[in-house]
PDB file of N, CA and C in Angstrom:
ATOM      1  N   MET A   1     127.867 102.356  93.336  1.00  0.00           N
ATOM      2  CA  MET A   1     128.088 103.721  93.744  1.00  0.00           C
ATOM      3  C   MET A   1     128.047 103.782  95.264  1.00  0.00           C
ATOM      4  N   ASP A   2     129.040 104.365  95.827  1.00  0.00           N
ATOM      5  CA  ASP A   2     129.099 104.499  97.273  1.00  0.00           C
ATOM      6  C   ASP A   2     128.017 105.461  97.764  1.00  0.00           C
ATOM      7  N   ASN A   3     127.529 105.201  98.967  1.00  0.00           N
ATOM      8  CA  ASN A   3     126.531 106.038  99.638  1.00  0.00           C
ATOM      9  C   ASN A   3     125.160 106.043  98.963  1.00  0.00           C
ATOM     10  N   TYR A   4     124.885 105.041  98.140  1.00  0.00           N
ATOM     11  CA  TYR A   4     123.578 104.909  97.500  1.00  0.00           C
ATOM     12  C   TYR A   4     123.047 103.496  97.681  1.00  0.00           C
ATOM     13  N   ARG A   5     121.733 103.384  97.853  1.00  0.00           N
ATOM     14  CA  ARG A   5     121.064 102.083  97.872  1.00  0.00           C
ATOM     15  C   ARG A   5     120.590 101.801  96.456  1.00  0.00           C
ATOM     16  N   HIS A   6     120.751 100.557  96.045  1.00  0.00           N
ATOM     17  CA  HIS A   6     120.387 100.165  94.689  1.00  0.00           C
ATOM     18  C   HIS A   6     119.125  99.299  94.723  1.00  0.00           C
ATOM     19  N   PHE A   7     118.125  99.699  93.970  1.00  0.00           N
ATOM     20  CA  PHE A   7     116.900  98.923  93.813  1.00  0.00           C
ATOM     21  C   PHE A   7     116.868  98.458  92.371  1.00  0.00           C
ATOM     22  N   ARG A   8     116.549  97.171  92.165  1.00  0.00           N
ATOM     23  CA  ARG A   8     116.566  96.625  90.816  1.00  0.00           C
ATOM     24  C   ARG A   8     115.448  95.603  90.661  1.00  0.00           C
ATOM     25  N   ARG A   9     114.807  95.613  89.497  1.00  0.00           N
ATOM     26  CA  ARG A   9     113.789  94.617  89.175  1.00  0.00           C
ATOM     27  C   ARG A   9     114.164  94.019  87.820  1.00  0.00           C
ATOM     28  N   ASP A  10     114.427  92.712  87.804  1.00  0.00           N
ATOM     29  CA  ASP A  10     114.776  92.021  86.569  1.00  0.00           C
ATOM     30  C   ASP A  10     113.538  91.670  85.768  1.00  0.00           C
ATOM     31  N   ARG A  11     113.701  91.586  84.471  1.00  0.00           N
ATOM     32  CA  ARG A  11     112.611  91.185  83.585  1.00  0.00           C
ATOM     33  C   ARG A  11     112.227  89.743  83.886  1.00  0.00           C
ATOM     34  N   GLN A  12     110.931  89.474  83.988  1.00  0.00           N
ATOM     35  CA  GLN A  12     110.430  88.136  84.286  1.00  0.00           C
ATOM     36  C   GLN A  12     109.933  87.476  83.002  1.00  0.00           C
ATOM     37  N   GLY A  13     110.284  86.202  82.815  1.00  0.00           N
ATOM     38  CA  GLY A  13     109.765  85.437  81.697  1.00  0.00           C
ATOM     39  C   GLY A  13     110.442  85.683  80.368  1.00  0.00           C
ATOM     40  N   ARG A  14     111.444  86.557  80.324  1.00  0.00           N
ATOM     41  CA  ARG A  14     112.176  86.835  79.083  1.00  0.00           C
ATOM     42  C   ARG A  14     113.627  87.092  79.430  1.00  0.00           C
ATOM     43  N   GLN A  15     114.491  86.958  78.452  1.00  0.00           N
ATOM     44  CA  GLN A  15     115.909  87.196  78.696  1.00  0.00           C
ATOM     45  C   GLN A  15     116.234  88.684  78.625  1.00  0.00           C
ATOM     46  N   GLY A  16     117.241  89.059  79.396  1.00  0.00           N
ATOM     47  CA  GLY A  16     117.739  90.427  79.374  1.00  0.00           C
ATOM     48  C   GLY A  16     116.755  91.423  79.958  1.00  0.00           C
ATOM     49  N   GLY A  17     117.229  92.606  80.133  1.00  0.00           N
ATOM     50  CA  GLY A  17     116.379  93.707  80.563  1.00  0.00           C
ATOM     51  C   GLY A  17     116.142  93.780  82.059  1.00  0.00           C
ATOM     52  N   TRP A  18     116.116  94.993  82.570  1.00  0.00           N
ATOM     53  CA  TRP A  18     115.808  95.262  83.967  1.00  0.00           C
ATOM     54  C   TRP A  18     115.675  96.763  84.126  1.00  0.00           C
ATOM     55  N   VAL A  19     115.122  97.167  85.253  1.00  0.00           N
ATOM     56  CA  VAL A  19     115.064  98.578  85.616  1.00  0.00           C
ATOM     57  C   VAL A  19     115.742  98.737  86.966  1.00  0.00           C
ATOM     58  N   ALA A  20     116.295  99.911  87.204  1.00  0.00           N
ATOM     59  CA  ALA A  20     117.011 100.142  88.458  1.00  0.00           C
ATOM     60  C   ALA A  20     116.851 101.595  88.882  1.00  0.00           C
ATOM     61  N   LEU A  21     117.031 101.800  90.174  1.00  0.00           N
ATOM     62  CA  LEU A  21     116.978 103.142  90.748  1.00  0.00           C
ATOM     63  C   LEU A  21     117.983 103.196  91.889  1.00  0.00           C
ATOM     64  N   CYS A  22     118.776 104.245  91.933  1.00  0.00           N
ATOM     65  CA  CYS A  22     119.736 104.449  93.023  1.00  0.00           C
ATOM     66  C   CYS A  22     119.241 105.614  93.874  1.00  0.00           C
ATOM     67  N   VAL A  23     119.203 105.394  95.196  1.00  0.00           N
ATOM     68  CA  VAL A  23     118.700 106.396  96.130  1.00  0.00           C
ATOM     69  C   VAL A  23     119.741 106.599  97.218  1.00  0.00           C
ATOM     70  N   GLY A  24     119.988 107.832  97.590  1.00  0.00           N
ATOM     71  CA  GLY A  24     120.969 108.137  98.628  1.00  0.00           C
ATOM     72  C   GLY A  24     120.672 107.394  99.922  1.00  0.00           C
ATOM     73  N   GLU A  25     121.724 106.848 100.542  1.00  0.00           N
ATOM     74  CA  GLU A  25     121.568 106.093 101.793  1.00  0.00           C
ATOM     75  C   GLU A  25     120.965 106.931 102.913  1.00  0.00           C
ATOM     76  N   TRP A  26     121.095 108.236 102.845  1.00  0.00           N
ATOM     77  CA  TRP A  26     120.589 109.113 103.903  1.00  0.00           C
ATOM     78  C   TRP A  26     119.063 109.229 103.869  1.00  0.00           C
ATOM     79  N   LEU A  27     118.425 108.719 102.813  1.00  0.00           N
ATOM     80  CA  LEU A  27     116.969 108.741 102.721  1.00  0.00           C
ATOM     81  C   LEU A  27     116.394 107.414 103.206  1.00  0.00           C
ATOM     82  N   ASP A  28     115.334 107.482 103.988  1.00  0.00           N
ATOM     83  CA  ASP A  28     114.642 106.291 104.458  1.00  0.00           C
ATOM     84  C   ASP A  28     113.701 105.844 103.345  1.00  0.00           C
ATOM     85  N   CYS A  29     113.976 104.702 102.723  1.00  0.00           N
ATOM     86  CA  CYS A  29     113.155 104.285 101.595  1.00  0.00           C
ATOM     87  C   CYS A  29     113.006 102.773 101.541  1.00  0.00           C
ATOM     88  N   MET A  30     112.009 102.329 100.752  1.00  0.00           N
ATOM     89  CA  MET A  30     111.756 100.902 100.603  1.00  0.00           C
ATOM     90  C   MET A  30     111.121 100.648  99.247  1.00  0.00           C
ATOM     91  N   ALA A  31     111.415  99.467  98.669  1.00  0.00           N
ATOM     92  CA  ALA A  31     110.789  99.069  97.416  1.00  0.00           C
ATOM     93  C   ALA A  31     109.360  98.635  97.698  1.00  0.00           C
ATOM     94  N   LEU A  32     108.455  98.967  96.804  1.00  0.00           N
ATOM     95  CA  LEU A  32     107.061  98.575  96.928  1.00  0.00           C
ATOM     96  C   LEU A  32     106.788  97.403  95.992  1.00  0.00           C
ATOM     97  N   THR A  33     105.898  96.524  96.393  1.00  0.00           N
ATOM     98  CA  THR A  33     105.550  95.366  95.585  1.00  0.00           C
ATOM     99  C   THR A  33     104.308  95.681  94.762  1.00  0.00           C
ATOM    100  N   VAL A  34     104.338  95.310  93.488  1.00  0.00           N
ATOM    101  CA  VAL A  34     103.171  95.468  92.625  1.00  0.00           C
ATOM    102  C   VAL A  34     102.635  94.084  92.287  1.00  0.00           C
ATOM    103  N   GLY A  35     101.356  94.002  91.965  1.00  0.00           N
ATOM    104  CA  GLY A  35     100.702  92.717  91.777  1.00  0.00           C
ATOM    105  C   GLY A  35     101.115  91.937  90.551  1.00  0.00           C
ATOM    106  N   ASP A  36     101.479  92.588  89.464  1.00  0.00           N
ATOM    107  CA  ASP A  36     101.761  91.888  88.222  1.00  0.00           C
ATOM    108  C   ASP A  36     103.218  92.075  87.839  1.00  0.00           C
ATOM    109  N   GLU A  37     103.930  90.987  87.611  1.00  0.00           N
ATOM    110  CA  GLU A  37     105.354  91.050  87.269  1.00  0.00           C
ATOM    111  C   GLU A  37     105.591  91.047  85.763  1.00  0.00           C
ATOM    112  N   THR A  38     104.517  91.083  84.956  1.00  0.00           N
ATOM    113  CA  THR A  38     104.657  91.057  83.502  1.00  0.00           C
ATOM    114  C   THR A  38     105.344  92.321  82.998  1.00  0.00           C
ATOM    115  N   VAL A  39     105.054  93.438  83.630  1.00  0.00           N
ATOM    116  CA  VAL A  39     105.595  94.730  83.211  1.00  0.00           C
ATOM    117  C   VAL A  39     106.854  95.029  84.019  1.00  0.00           C
ATOM    118  N   GLU A  40     107.886  95.484  83.330  1.00  0.00           N
ATOM    119  CA  GLU A  40     109.122  95.877  84.024  1.00  0.00           C
ATOM    120  C   GLU A  40     108.892  97.217  84.691  1.00  0.00           C
ATOM    121  N   ARG A  41     108.689  97.163  85.998  1.00  0.00           N
ATOM    122  CA  ARG A  41     108.466  98.402  86.743  1.00  0.00           C
ATOM    123  C   ARG A  41     108.996  98.235  88.159  1.00  0.00           C
ATOM    124  N   LEU A  42     109.389  99.347  88.716  1.00  0.00           N
ATOM    125  CA  LEU A  42     109.942  99.372  90.059  1.00  0.00           C
ATOM    126  C   LEU A  42     109.406 100.618  90.737  1.00  0.00           C
ATOM    127  N   TRP A  43     108.836 100.442  91.926  1.00  0.00           N
ATOM    128  CA  TRP A  43     108.330 101.562  92.712  1.00  0.00           C
ATOM    129  C   TRP A  43     109.098 101.628  94.020  1.00  0.00           C
ATOM    130  N   VAL A  44     109.528 102.824  94.398  1.00  0.00           N
ATOM    131  CA  VAL A  44     110.248 103.031  95.653  1.00  0.00           C
ATOM    132  C   VAL A  44     109.586 104.184  96.404  1.00  0.00           C
ATOM    133  N   ARG A  45     109.276 103.935  97.695  1.00  0.00           N
ATOM    134  CA  ARG A  45     108.695 104.978  98.546  1.00  0.00           C
ATOM    135  C   ARG A  45     109.804 105.564  99.411  1.00  0.00           C
ATOM    136  N   MET A  46     109.910 106.888  99.375  1.00  0.00           N
ATOM    137  CA  MET A  46     110.883 107.598 100.205  1.00  0.00           C
ATOM    138  C   MET A  46     110.125 108.335 101.294  1.00  0.00           C
ATOM    139  N   LYS A  47     110.475 108.057 102.542  1.00  0.00           N
ATOM    140  CA  LYS A  47     109.795 108.661 103.684  1.00  0.00           C
ATOM    141  C   LYS A  47     110.150 110.132 103.777  1.00  0.00           C
ATOM    142  N   GLY A  48     109.108 110.950 104.015  1.00  0.00           N
ATOM    143  CA  GLY A  48     109.326 112.366 104.217  1.00  0.00           C
ATOM    144  C   GLY A  48     109.870 112.634 105.612  1.00  0.00           C
ATOM    145  N   LYS A  49     110.532 113.731 105.782  1.00  0.00           N
ATOM    146  CA  LYS A  49     111.000 114.132 107.107  1.00  0.00           C
ATOM    147  C   LYS A  49     109.814 114.611 107.938  1.00  0.00           C
ATOM    148  N   VAL A  50     110.056 115.104 109.107  1.00  0.00           N
ATOM    149  CA  VAL A  50     108.990 115.504 110.028  1.00  0.00           C
ATOM    150  C   VAL A  50     107.948 116.387 109.324  1.00  0.00           C
ATOM    151  N   LYS A  51     106.678 115.946 109.390  1.00  0.00           N
ATOM    152  CA  LYS A  51     105.529 116.658 108.823  1.00  0.00           C
ATOM    153  C   LYS A  51     105.601 116.836 107.312  1.00  0.00           C
ATOM    154  N   LYS A  52     106.407 116.054 106.644  1.00  0.00           N
ATOM    155  CA  LYS A  52     106.479 116.088 105.175  1.00  0.00           C
ATOM    156  C   LYS A  52     105.851 114.814 104.641  1.00  0.00           C
ATOM    157  N   VAL A  53     105.345 114.859 103.436  1.00  0.00           N
ATOM    158  CA  VAL A  53     104.710 113.685 102.838  1.00  0.00           C
ATOM    159  C   VAL A  53     105.756 112.749 102.228  1.00  0.00           C
ATOM    160  N   ASP A  54     105.374 111.477 102.100  1.00  0.00           N
ATOM    161  CA  ASP A  54     106.233 110.516 101.424  1.00  0.00           C
ATOM    162  C   ASP A  54     106.215 110.796  99.918  1.00  0.00           C
ATOM    163  N   VAL A  55     107.287 110.386  99.259  1.00  0.00           N
ATOM    164  CA  VAL A  55     107.387 110.514  97.806  1.00  0.00           C
ATOM    165  C   VAL A  55     107.521 109.104  97.238  1.00  0.00           C
ATOM    166  N   VAL A  56     106.754 108.797  96.198  1.00  0.00           N
ATOM    167  CA  VAL A  56     106.848 107.513  95.526  1.00  0.00           C
ATOM    168  C   VAL A  56     107.368 107.764  94.111  1.00  0.00           C
ATOM    169  N   VAL A  57     108.446 107.041  93.765  1.00  0.00           N
ATOM    170  CA  VAL A  57     109.065 107.180  92.448  1.00  0.00           C
ATOM    171  C   VAL A  57     108.921 105.854  91.717  1.00  0.00           C
ATOM    172  N   GLY A  58     108.510 105.919  90.458  1.00  0.00           N
ATOM    173  CA  GLY A  58     108.363 104.714  89.652  1.00  0.00           C
ATOM    174  C   GLY A  58     109.283 104.746  88.457  1.00  0.00           C
ATOM    175  N   VAL A  59     109.818 103.571  88.110  1.00  0.00           N
ATOM    176  CA  VAL A  59     110.676 103.417  86.940  1.00  0.00           C
ATOM    177  C   VAL A  59     110.065 102.321  86.080  1.00  0.00           C
ATOM    178  N   TYR A  60     109.872 102.597  84.792  1.00  0.00           N
ATOM    179  CA  TYR A  60     109.284 101.641  83.852  1.00  0.00           C
ATOM    180  C   TYR A  60     110.221 101.417  82.675  1.00  0.00           C
ATOM    181  N   CYS A  61     110.078 100.249  82.054  1.00  0.00           N
ATOM    182  CA  CYS A  61     110.743  99.987  80.782  1.00  0.00           C
ATOM    183  C   CYS A  61     109.724  99.311  79.873  1.00  0.00           C
ATOM    184  N   GLN A  62     109.554  99.832  78.682  1.00  0.00           N
ATOM    185  CA  GLN A  62     108.619  99.255  77.731  1.00  0.00           C
ATOM    186  C   GLN A  62     109.400  98.726  76.527  1.00  0.00           C
ATOM    187  N   PRO A  63     109.586  97.388  76.441  1.00  0.00           N
ATOM    188  CA  PRO A  63     110.277  96.817  75.288  1.00  0.00           C
ATOM    189  C   PRO A  63     109.509  97.084  73.992  1.00  0.00           C
ATOM    190  N   LEU A  64     110.220  97.192  72.881  1.00  0.00           N
ATOM    191  CA  LEU A  64     109.598  97.486  71.598  1.00  0.00           C
ATOM    192  C   LEU A  64     108.647  96.380  71.138  1.00  0.00           C
ATOM    193  N   ASN A  65     108.941  95.124  71.488  1.00  0.00           N
ATOM    194  CA  ASN A  65     108.130  94.005  71.009  1.00  0.00           C
ATOM    195  C   ASN A  65     107.093  93.545  72.042  1.00  0.00           C
ATOM    196  N   GLN A  66     106.675  94.431  72.894  1.00  0.00           N
ATOM    197  CA  GLN A  66     105.713  94.089  73.943  1.00  0.00           C
ATOM    198  C   GLN A  66     104.323  93.845  73.342  1.00  0.00           C
ATOM    199  N   ASP A  67     103.619  92.776  73.794  1.00  0.00           N
ATOM    200  CA  ASP A  67     102.302  92.456  73.239  1.00  0.00           C
ATOM    201  C   ASP A  67     101.225  93.419  73.768  1.00  0.00           C
ATOM    202  N   ASP A  68     100.043  93.386  73.147  1.00  0.00           N
ATOM    203  CA  ASP A  68      98.964  94.330  73.474  1.00  0.00           C
ATOM    204  C   ASP A  68      98.466  94.194  74.909  1.00  0.00           C
ATOM    205  N   ASP A  69      98.354  92.960  75.426  1.00  0.00           N
ATOM    206  CA  ASP A  69      97.892  92.766  76.802  1.00  0.00           C
ATOM    207  C   ASP A  69      98.855  93.389  77.806  1.00  0.00           C
ATOM    208  N   THR A  70     100.144  93.218  77.564  1.00  0.00           N
ATOM    209  CA  THR A  70     101.148  93.805  78.450  1.00  0.00           C
ATOM    210  C   THR A  70     101.167  95.317  78.305  1.00  0.00           C
ATOM    211  N   ASP A  71     100.942  95.820  77.079  1.00  0.00           N
ATOM    212  CA  ASP A  71     100.835  97.271  76.881  1.00  0.00           C
ATOM    213  C   ASP A  71      99.736  97.858  77.758  1.00  0.00           C
ATOM    214  N   GLU A  72      98.599  97.178  77.824  1.00  0.00           N
ATOM    215  CA  GLU A  72      97.490  97.672  78.640  1.00  0.00           C
ATOM    216  C   GLU A  72      97.876  97.711  80.114  1.00  0.00           C
ATOM    217  N   LEU A  73      98.552  96.656  80.615  1.00  0.00           N
ATOM    218  CA  LEU A  73      99.032  96.649  81.990  1.00  0.00           C
ATOM    219  C   LEU A  73     100.009  97.798  82.228  1.00  0.00           C
ATOM    220  N   PHE A  74     100.879  98.040  81.254  1.00  0.00           N
ATOM    221  CA  PHE A  74     101.879  99.097  81.345  1.00  0.00           C
ATOM    222  C   PHE A  74     101.209 100.462  81.501  1.00  0.00           C
ATOM    223  N   TYR A  75     100.230 100.753  80.661  1.00  0.00           N
ATOM    224  CA  TYR A  75      99.599 102.068  80.682  1.00  0.00           C
ATOM    225  C   TYR A  75      98.645 102.266  81.858  1.00  0.00           C
ATOM    226  N   ASN A  76      98.153 101.167  82.427  1.00  0.00           N
ATOM    227  CA  ASN A  76      97.250 101.283  83.582  1.00  0.00           C
ATOM    228  C   ASN A  76      97.993 101.305  84.900  1.00  0.00           C
ATOM    229  N   GLY A  77      99.327 101.191  84.865  1.00  0.00           N
ATOM    230  CA  GLY A  77     100.134 101.310  86.059  1.00  0.00           C
ATOM    231  C   GLY A  77     100.091 100.113  86.919  1.00  0.00           C
TER     232      GLY A  77
END
């Protein structure tokens, strides 16, 4: 898509699957790193304009066959 930045996180350790987020190029933003790659998640921080707060947006995907340990990581963010 023109005029949008694409952020994508591929599934680690398994085939298929990913999460993505498209953000307008006019917004100052960056992908944030999370400590555990077991859970398919993507966090993007968008800088606020003058005297405005930053906004953080998260995208998650929970596969149907996800094990209990990964479920706990998923729900704890």
